[in-house]
Amino acid sequence: MNVLVRTIISGPGAFVITTGLALIMAKMIYVPFVDLPDKPEKMSFTVNPEITIIEPKKKRRAELVRVTPPPPPPIVERPTPTPPSGPITHPDVITPDYDKIKLDPQTVKLVVIDTKEQPVLRFPPVMPARAERSGHCDVRFNLTAQGHPYEIVTTSCSQAIFKRPTIKSVQKWKYNPKILDGVAVARQGVETRISFNLTDERGFLIPE
């Protein structure tokens, strides 16, 4: 009952307010009608009847100027060398006398010094394409009496991708064999380290 009473009481007021706002907005957006002429005004203009003729400029011909060439350089007389007229002396070369040493094969004995194995030819390893930084491999191998490596194994590698290039590189190496009592002998357990140095585009070393 209270809702119905409030609706009946507030209805006329709301209608008056809404109508007033509509009239105010209609007055604000109202634009008076302006009657435009049916035909546009005629535009008058004049064109200069005089025609000005512009004559093209004549091109000037290049004038040739004769230039006197410079005189040739003077000829300088040079004295011609004359060979010596007297005899050429040769210094006397005197070979000193010395007594020849005679070696008796029965009394002279040649001693061959024992030497260790020496590397003669070492091929550097091929850097793997998948490598992203530098690394190394410790390798152990044996040498034949002719200096050829065999039984090549890697004891430790910083990365597994360096193992295969290390073995392939050592297979191509060549050594002077070990000399013991004048005879070339095989060598067991030769150890060395092979390093793989990788650089960036600026040439700086990429550490392991």
C-alpha atoms as a PDB file:
ATOM      1  CA  MET A   1       0.000   0.000   0.000  1.00  0.00           C
ATOM      2  CA  ASN A   2       2.844   2.370   0.817  1.00  0.00           C
ATOM      3  CA  VAL A   3       4.538   1.660  -2.545  1.00  0.00           C
ATOM      4  CA  LEU A   4       1.346   2.465  -4.463  1.00  0.00           C
ATOM      5  CA  VAL A   5       0.834   5.693  -2.593  1.00  0.00           C
ATOM      6  CA  ARG A   6       4.400   6.817  -3.199  1.00  0.00           C
ATOM      7  CA  THR A   7       4.066   5.998  -6.903  1.00  0.00           C
ATOM      8  CA  ILE A   8       0.829   8.054  -7.242  1.00  0.00           C
ATOM      9  CA  ILE A   9       2.335  11.002  -5.401  1.00  0.00           C
ATOM     10  CA  SER A  10       5.708  11.074  -7.211  1.00  0.00           C
ATOM     11  CA  GLY A  11       4.332  10.322 -10.717  1.00  0.00           C
ATOM     12  CA  PRO A  12       3.164  13.848 -11.667  1.00  0.00           C
ATOM     13  CA  GLY A  13       6.372  15.408 -10.352  1.00  0.00           C
ATOM     14  CA  ALA A  14       8.548  13.064 -12.362  1.00  0.00           C
ATOM     15  CA  PHE A  15       6.508  13.772 -15.484  1.00  0.00           C
ATOM     16  CA  VAL A  16       6.921  17.526 -15.042  1.00  0.00           C
ATOM     17  CA  ILE A  17      10.700  17.260 -14.502  1.00  0.00           C
ATOM     18  CA  THR A  18      11.162  14.957 -17.522  1.00  0.00           C
ATOM     19  CA  THR A  19       9.110  17.255 -19.778  1.00  0.00           C
ATOM     20  CA  GLY A  20      11.074  20.303 -18.618  1.00  0.00           C
ATOM     21  CA  LEU A  21      14.431  18.663 -19.348  1.00  0.00           C
ATOM     22  CA  ALA A  22      13.221  17.655 -22.808  1.00  0.00           C
ATOM     23  CA  LEU A  23      12.140  21.210 -23.619  1.00  0.00           C
ATOM     24  CA  ILE A  24      15.472  22.643 -22.399  1.00  0.00           C
ATOM     25  CA  MET A  25      17.483  20.185 -24.533  1.00  0.00           C
ATOM     26  CA  ALA A  26      15.303  20.894 -27.597  1.00  0.00           C
ATOM     27  CA  LYS A  27      15.913  24.622 -27.175  1.00  0.00           C
ATOM     28  CA  MET A  28      19.692  24.091 -26.846  1.00  0.00           C
ATOM     29  CA  ILE A  29      20.007  22.032 -30.030  1.00  0.00           C
ATOM     30  CA  TYR A  30      17.620  24.168 -32.095  1.00  0.00           C
ATOM     31  CA  VAL A  31      19.222  25.675 -35.228  1.00  0.00           C
ATOM     32  CA  PRO A  32      17.301  28.253 -37.241  1.00  0.00           C
ATOM     33  CA  PHE A  33      16.699  27.364 -40.870  1.00  0.00           C
ATOM     34  CA  VAL A  34      18.610  29.479 -43.411  1.00  0.00           C
ATOM     35  CA  ASP A  35      17.243  29.652 -46.914  1.00  0.00           C
ATOM     36  CA  LEU A  36      20.115  29.173 -49.401  1.00  0.00           C
ATOM     37  CA  PRO A  37      19.930  30.728 -52.875  1.00  0.00           C
ATOM     38  CA  ASP A  38      19.074  28.369 -55.706  1.00  0.00           C
ATOM     39  CA  LYS A  39      21.847  29.631 -57.989  1.00  0.00           C
ATOM     40  CA  PRO A  40      25.396  30.552 -56.887  1.00  0.00           C
ATOM     41  CA  GLU A  41      26.676  34.023 -57.518  1.00  0.00           C
ATOM     42  CA  LYS A  42      28.522  34.504 -60.771  1.00  0.00           C
ATOM     43  CA  MET A  43      32.291  34.808 -60.429  1.00  0.00           C
ATOM     44  CA  SER A  44      33.962  37.331 -62.685  1.00  0.00           C
ATOM     45  CA  PHE A  45      37.659  37.276 -63.584  1.00  0.00           C
ATOM     46  CA  THR A  46      39.804  38.596 -66.423  1.00  0.00           C
ATOM     47  CA  VAL A  47      42.689  36.970 -68.280  1.00  0.00           C
ATOM     48  CA  ASN A  48      45.663  39.025 -69.414  1.00  0.00           C
ATOM     49  CA  PRO A  49      45.234  39.203 -73.196  1.00  0.00           C
ATOM     50  CA  GLU A  50      48.894  40.115 -73.806  1.00  0.00           C
ATOM     51  CA  ILE A  51      51.244  37.213 -74.636  1.00  0.00           C
ATOM     52  CA  THR A  52      54.878  37.613 -73.605  1.00  0.00           C
ATOM     53  CA  ILE A  53      57.315  35.746 -75.827  1.00  0.00           C
ATOM     54  CA  ILE A  54      60.495  34.671 -74.037  1.00  0.00           C
ATOM     55  CA  GLU A  55      63.383  34.173 -76.413  1.00  0.00           C
ATOM     56  CA  PRO A  56      65.766  31.322 -75.509  1.00  0.00           C
ATOM     57  CA  LYS A  57      69.288  32.307 -74.650  1.00  0.00           C
ATOM     58  CA  LYS A  58      71.961  31.325 -77.103  1.00  0.00           C
ATOM     59  CA  LYS A  59      74.582  28.963 -75.866  1.00  0.00           C
ATOM     60  CA  ARG A  60      78.101  30.271 -75.922  1.00  0.00           C
ATOM     61  CA  ARG A  61      80.664  28.253 -77.743  1.00  0.00           C
ATOM     62  CA  ALA A  62      83.731  27.247 -75.783  1.00  0.00           C
ATOM     63  CA  GLU A  63      86.756  29.162 -76.913  1.00  0.00           C
ATOM     64  CA  LEU A  64      89.909  27.140 -77.482  1.00  0.00           C
ATOM     65  CA  VAL A  65      93.027  28.681 -76.037  1.00  0.00           C
ATOM     66  CA  ARG A  66      96.354  27.572 -77.393  1.00  0.00           C
ATOM     67  CA  VAL A  67      98.841  26.614 -74.718  1.00  0.00           C
ATOM     68  CA  THR A  68     102.529  26.637 -75.384  1.00  0.00           C
ATOM     69  CA  PRO A  69     104.063  23.327 -74.224  1.00  0.00           C
ATOM     70  CA  PRO A  70     106.962  23.600 -71.772  1.00  0.00           C
ATOM     71  CA  PRO A  71     110.485  23.053 -73.056  1.00  0.00           C
ATOM     72  CA  PRO A  72     111.969  19.563 -72.690  1.00  0.00           C
ATOM     73  CA  PRO A  73     114.168  18.917 -69.632  1.00  0.00           C
ATOM     74  CA  PRO A  74     117.856  19.536 -70.120  1.00  0.00           C
ATOM     75  CA  ILE A  75     120.074  16.575 -70.843  1.00  0.00           C
ATOM     76  CA  VAL A  76     122.640  16.020 -68.114  1.00  0.00           C
ATOM     77  CA  GLU A  77     125.841  14.410 -69.221  1.00  0.00           C
ATOM     78  CA  ARG A  78     126.905  11.570 -67.002  1.00  0.00           C
ATOM     79  CA  PRO A  79     130.497  10.334 -66.951  1.00  0.00           C
ATOM     80  CA  THR A  80     130.860   6.798 -68.239  1.00  0.00           C
ATOM     81  CA  PRO A  81     132.771   4.503 -65.892  1.00  0.00           C
ATOM     82  CA  THR A  82     136.062   3.158 -67.187  1.00  0.00           C
ATOM     83  CA  PRO A  83     137.342  -0.279 -66.240  1.00  0.00           C
ATOM     84  CA  PRO A  84     140.602  -0.424 -64.278  1.00  0.00           C
ATOM     85  CA  SER A  85     143.677  -0.695 -66.438  1.00  0.00           C
ATOM     86  CA  GLY A  86     145.950  -2.390 -63.902  1.00  0.00           C
ATOM     87  CA  PRO A  87     145.808  -6.076 -62.899  1.00  0.00           C
ATOM     88  CA  ILE A  88     143.511  -7.171 -60.094  1.00  0.00           C
ATOM     89  CA  THR A  89     145.390  -8.728 -57.211  1.00  0.00           C
ATOM     90  CA  HIS A  90     144.035 -11.822 -55.511  1.00  0.00           C
ATOM     91  CA  PRO A  91     144.779 -12.424 -51.833  1.00  0.00           C
ATOM     92  CA  ASP A  92     146.766 -15.501 -51.073  1.00  0.00           C
ATOM     93  CA  VAL A  93     144.719 -18.067 -49.141  1.00  0.00           C
ATOM     94  CA  ILE A  94     146.884 -20.341 -47.072  1.00  0.00           C
ATOM     95  CA  THR A  95     145.390 -23.578 -45.787  1.00  0.00           C
ATOM     96  CA  PRO A  96     146.916 -24.574 -42.482  1.00  0.00           C
ATOM     97  CA  ASP A  97     148.521 -27.995 -42.248  1.00  0.00           C
ATOM     98  CA  TYR A  98     147.039 -30.452 -39.783  1.00  0.00           C
ATOM     99  CA  ASP A  99     147.501 -34.101 -39.046  1.00  0.00           C
ATOM    100  CA  LYS A 100     144.675 -36.347 -40.148  1.00  0.00           C
ATOM    101  CA  ILE A 101     143.078 -38.422 -37.419  1.00  0.00           C
ATOM    102  CA  LYS A 102     142.839 -42.099 -38.145  1.00  0.00           C
ATOM    103  CA  LEU A 103     140.040 -44.032 -36.460  1.00  0.00           C
ATOM    104  CA  ASP A 104     140.601 -47.674 -35.696  1.00  0.00           C
ATOM    105  CA  PRO A 105     137.258 -49.529 -35.699  1.00  0.00           C
ATOM    106  CA  GLN A 106     138.672 -52.021 -33.201  1.00  0.00           C
ATOM    107  CA  THR A 107     139.551 -49.396 -30.622  1.00  0.00           C
ATOM    108  CA  VAL A 108     136.876 -46.724 -31.326  1.00  0.00           C
ATOM    109  CA  LYS A 109     133.335 -47.488 -30.175  1.00  0.00           C
ATOM    110  CA  LEU A 110     130.383 -45.282 -31.125  1.00  0.00           C
ATOM    111  CA  VAL A 111     127.943 -44.664 -28.288  1.00  0.00           C
ATOM    112  CA  VAL A 112     124.323 -43.803 -29.105  1.00  0.00           C
ATOM    113  CA  ILE A 113     122.693 -41.611 -26.447  1.00  0.00           C
ATOM    114  CA  ASP A 114     119.343 -42.816 -25.161  1.00  0.00           C
ATOM    115  CA  THR A 115     116.505 -40.428 -25.994  1.00  0.00           C
ATOM    116  CA  LYS A 116     112.846 -40.141 -25.136  1.00  0.00           C
ATOM    117  CA  GLU A 117     110.033 -40.070 -27.637  1.00  0.00           C
ATOM    118  CA  GLN A 118     109.701 -36.705 -29.408  1.00  0.00           C
ATOM    119  CA  PRO A 119     106.654 -35.490 -31.343  1.00  0.00           C
ATOM    120  CA  VAL A 120     107.377 -34.854 -35.012  1.00  0.00           C
ATOM    121  CA  LEU A 121     103.927 -34.199 -36.506  1.00  0.00           C
ATOM    122  CA  ARG A 122     100.772 -33.190 -34.664  1.00  0.00           C
ATOM    123  CA  PHE A 123      97.458 -32.394 -36.344  1.00  0.00           C
ATOM    124  CA  PRO A 124      95.169 -30.022 -34.421  1.00  0.00           C
ATOM    125  CA  PRO A 125      91.709 -31.373 -33.590  1.00  0.00           C
ATOM    126  CA  VAL A 126      88.577 -30.280 -35.444  1.00  0.00           C
ATOM    127  CA  MET A 127      86.259 -28.088 -33.360  1.00  0.00           C
ATOM    128  CA  PRO A 128      82.803 -29.733 -33.129  1.00  0.00           C
ATOM    129  CA  ALA A 129      80.012 -27.731 -34.728  1.00  0.00           C
ATOM    130  CA  ARG A 130      77.811 -28.139 -31.647  1.00  0.00           C
ATOM    131  CA  ALA A 131      80.422 -26.718 -29.253  1.00  0.00           C
ATOM    132  CA  GLU A 132      79.234 -23.612 -27.400  1.00  0.00           C
ATOM    133  CA  ARG A 133      82.385 -23.006 -25.308  1.00  0.00           C
ATOM    134  CA  SER A 134      86.027 -24.052 -25.085  1.00  0.00           C
ATOM    135  CA  GLY A 135      87.128 -27.349 -23.574  1.00  0.00           C
ATOM    136  CA  HIS A 136      89.837 -30.002 -23.295  1.00  0.00           C
ATOM    137  CA  CYS A 137      90.460 -33.747 -23.236  1.00  0.00           C
ATOM    138  CA  ASP A 138      93.147 -35.732 -21.414  1.00  0.00           C
ATOM    139  CA  VAL A 139      94.280 -38.628 -23.612  1.00  0.00           C
ATOM    140  CA  ARG A 140      96.530 -41.676 -23.084  1.00  0.00           C
ATOM    141  CA  PHE A 141      98.030 -43.853 -25.817  1.00  0.00           C
ATOM    142  CA  ASN A 142     100.915 -46.207 -26.658  1.00  0.00           C
ATOM    143  CA  LEU A 143     103.616 -45.773 -29.306  1.00  0.00           C
ATOM    144  CA  THR A 144     105.043 -48.392 -31.641  1.00  0.00           C
ATOM    145  CA  ALA A 145     108.764 -48.645 -32.326  1.00  0.00           C
ATOM    146  CA  GLN A 146     108.119 -46.649 -35.498  1.00  0.00           C
ATOM    147  CA  GLY A 147     106.452 -43.781 -33.556  1.00  0.00           C
ATOM    148  CA  HIS A 148     102.780 -44.416 -34.460  1.00  0.00           C
ATOM    149  CA  PRO A 149     100.110 -44.024 -31.713  1.00  0.00           C
ATOM    150  CA  TYR A 150      97.733 -46.907 -30.974  1.00  0.00           C
ATOM    151  CA  GLU A 151      95.251 -47.932 -28.261  1.00  0.00           C
ATOM    152  CA  ILE A 152      94.150 -44.310 -27.862  1.00  0.00           C
ATOM    153  CA  VAL A 153      91.720 -43.602 -25.004  1.00  0.00           C
ATOM    154  CA  THR A 154      90.479 -40.411 -23.379  1.00  0.00           C
ATOM    155  CA  THR A 155      90.781 -40.400 -19.592  1.00  0.00           C
ATOM    156  CA  SER A 156      88.689 -37.248 -19.019  1.00  0.00           C
ATOM    157  CA  CYS A 157      86.951 -34.582 -21.136  1.00  0.00           C
ATOM    158  CA  SER A 158      85.314 -31.305 -20.134  1.00  0.00           C
ATOM    159  CA  GLN A 159      82.512 -32.130 -22.603  1.00  0.00           C
ATOM    160  CA  ALA A 160      81.591 -35.410 -24.259  1.00  0.00           C
ATOM    161  CA  ILE A 161      81.518 -33.857 -27.741  1.00  0.00           C
ATOM    162  CA  PHE A 162      85.333 -33.404 -27.619  1.00  0.00           C
ATOM    163  CA  LYS A 163      86.075 -37.150 -27.203  1.00  0.00           C
ATOM    164  CA  ARG A 164      85.707 -38.240 -30.836  1.00  0.00           C
ATOM    165  CA  PRO A 165      87.713 -35.328 -32.392  1.00  0.00           C
ATOM    166  CA  THR A 166      90.510 -35.965 -29.854  1.00  0.00           C
ATOM    167  CA  ILE A 167      90.931 -39.617 -30.826  1.00  0.00           C
ATOM    168  CA  LYS A 168      90.825 -38.824 -34.566  1.00  0.00           C
ATOM    169  CA  SER A 169      93.481 -36.148 -34.129  1.00  0.00           C
ATOM    170  CA  VAL A 170      95.912 -38.361 -32.155  1.00  0.00           C
ATOM    171  CA  GLN A 171      95.585 -41.157 -34.748  1.00  0.00           C
ATOM    172  CA  LYS A 172      97.346 -38.884 -37.290  1.00  0.00           C
ATOM    173  CA  TRP A 173     100.282 -37.954 -35.035  1.00  0.00           C
ATOM    174  CA  LYS A 174     103.875 -39.075 -35.644  1.00  0.00           C
ATOM    175  CA  TYR A 175     106.676 -39.431 -33.070  1.00  0.00           C
ATOM    176  CA  ASN A 176     110.367 -40.113 -33.060  1.00  0.00           C
ATOM    177  CA  PRO A 177     110.460 -43.369 -31.073  1.00  0.00           C
ATOM    178  CA  LYS A 178     112.253 -43.864 -27.805  1.00  0.00           C
ATOM    179  CA  ILE A 179     115.900 -44.952 -28.205  1.00  0.00           C
ATOM    180  CA  LEU A 180     117.212 -47.422 -25.620  1.00  0.00           C
ATOM    181  CA  ASP A 181     120.734 -48.835 -25.992  1.00  0.00           C
ATOM    182  CA  GLY A 182     120.776 -47.682 -29.608  1.00  0.00           C
ATOM    183  CA  VAL A 183     117.517 -49.453 -30.490  1.00  0.00           C
ATOM    184  CA  ALA A 184     114.074 -47.895 -31.108  1.00  0.00           C
ATOM    185  CA  VAL A 185     111.575 -49.383 -28.668  1.00  0.00           C
ATOM    186  CA  ALA A 186     107.842 -49.071 -28.112  1.00  0.00           C
ATOM    187  CA  ARG A 187     106.472 -46.748 -25.465  1.00  0.00           C
ATOM    188  CA  GLN A 188     103.553 -47.407 -23.145  1.00  0.00           C
ATOM    189  CA  GLY A 189     101.260 -44.924 -21.411  1.00  0.00           C
ATOM    190  CA  VAL A 190     102.016 -41.607 -23.134  1.00  0.00           C
ATOM    191  CA  GLU A 191      99.698 -38.927 -21.715  1.00  0.00           C
ATOM    192  CA  THR A 192      98.905 -35.453 -22.980  1.00  0.00           C
ATOM    193  CA  ARG A 193      96.108 -32.878 -23.022  1.00  0.00           C
ATOM    194  CA  ILE A 194      94.348 -31.507 -26.119  1.00  0.00           C
ATOM    195  CA  SER A 195      92.678 -28.108 -25.804  1.00  0.00           C
ATOM    196  CA  PHE A 196      89.747 -26.822 -27.853  1.00  0.00           C
ATOM    197  CA  ASN A 197      89.742 -23.018 -27.992  1.00  0.00           C
ATOM    198  CA  LEU A 198      86.482 -21.450 -29.187  1.00  0.00           C
ATOM    199  CA  THR A 199      86.285 -17.698 -29.906  1.00  0.00           C
ATOM    200  CA  ASP A 200      83.345 -15.372 -30.523  1.00  0.00           C
ATOM    201  CA  GLU A 201      82.776 -13.070 -33.519  1.00  0.00           C
ATOM    202  CA  ARG A 202      85.086 -10.451 -31.951  1.00  0.00           C
ATOM    203  CA  GLY A 203      87.945 -12.922 -31.520  1.00  0.00           C
ATOM    204  CA  PHE A 204      87.664 -13.228 -27.725  1.00  0.00           C
ATOM    205  CA  LEU A 205      88.139 -16.662 -26.159  1.00  0.00           C
ATOM    206  CA  ILE A 206      84.979 -18.279 -24.765  1.00  0.00           C
ATOM    207  CA  PRO A 207      86.050 -19.941 -21.485  1.00  0.00           C
ATOM    208  CA  GLU A 208      85.182 -23.510 -20.539  1.00  0.00           C
END
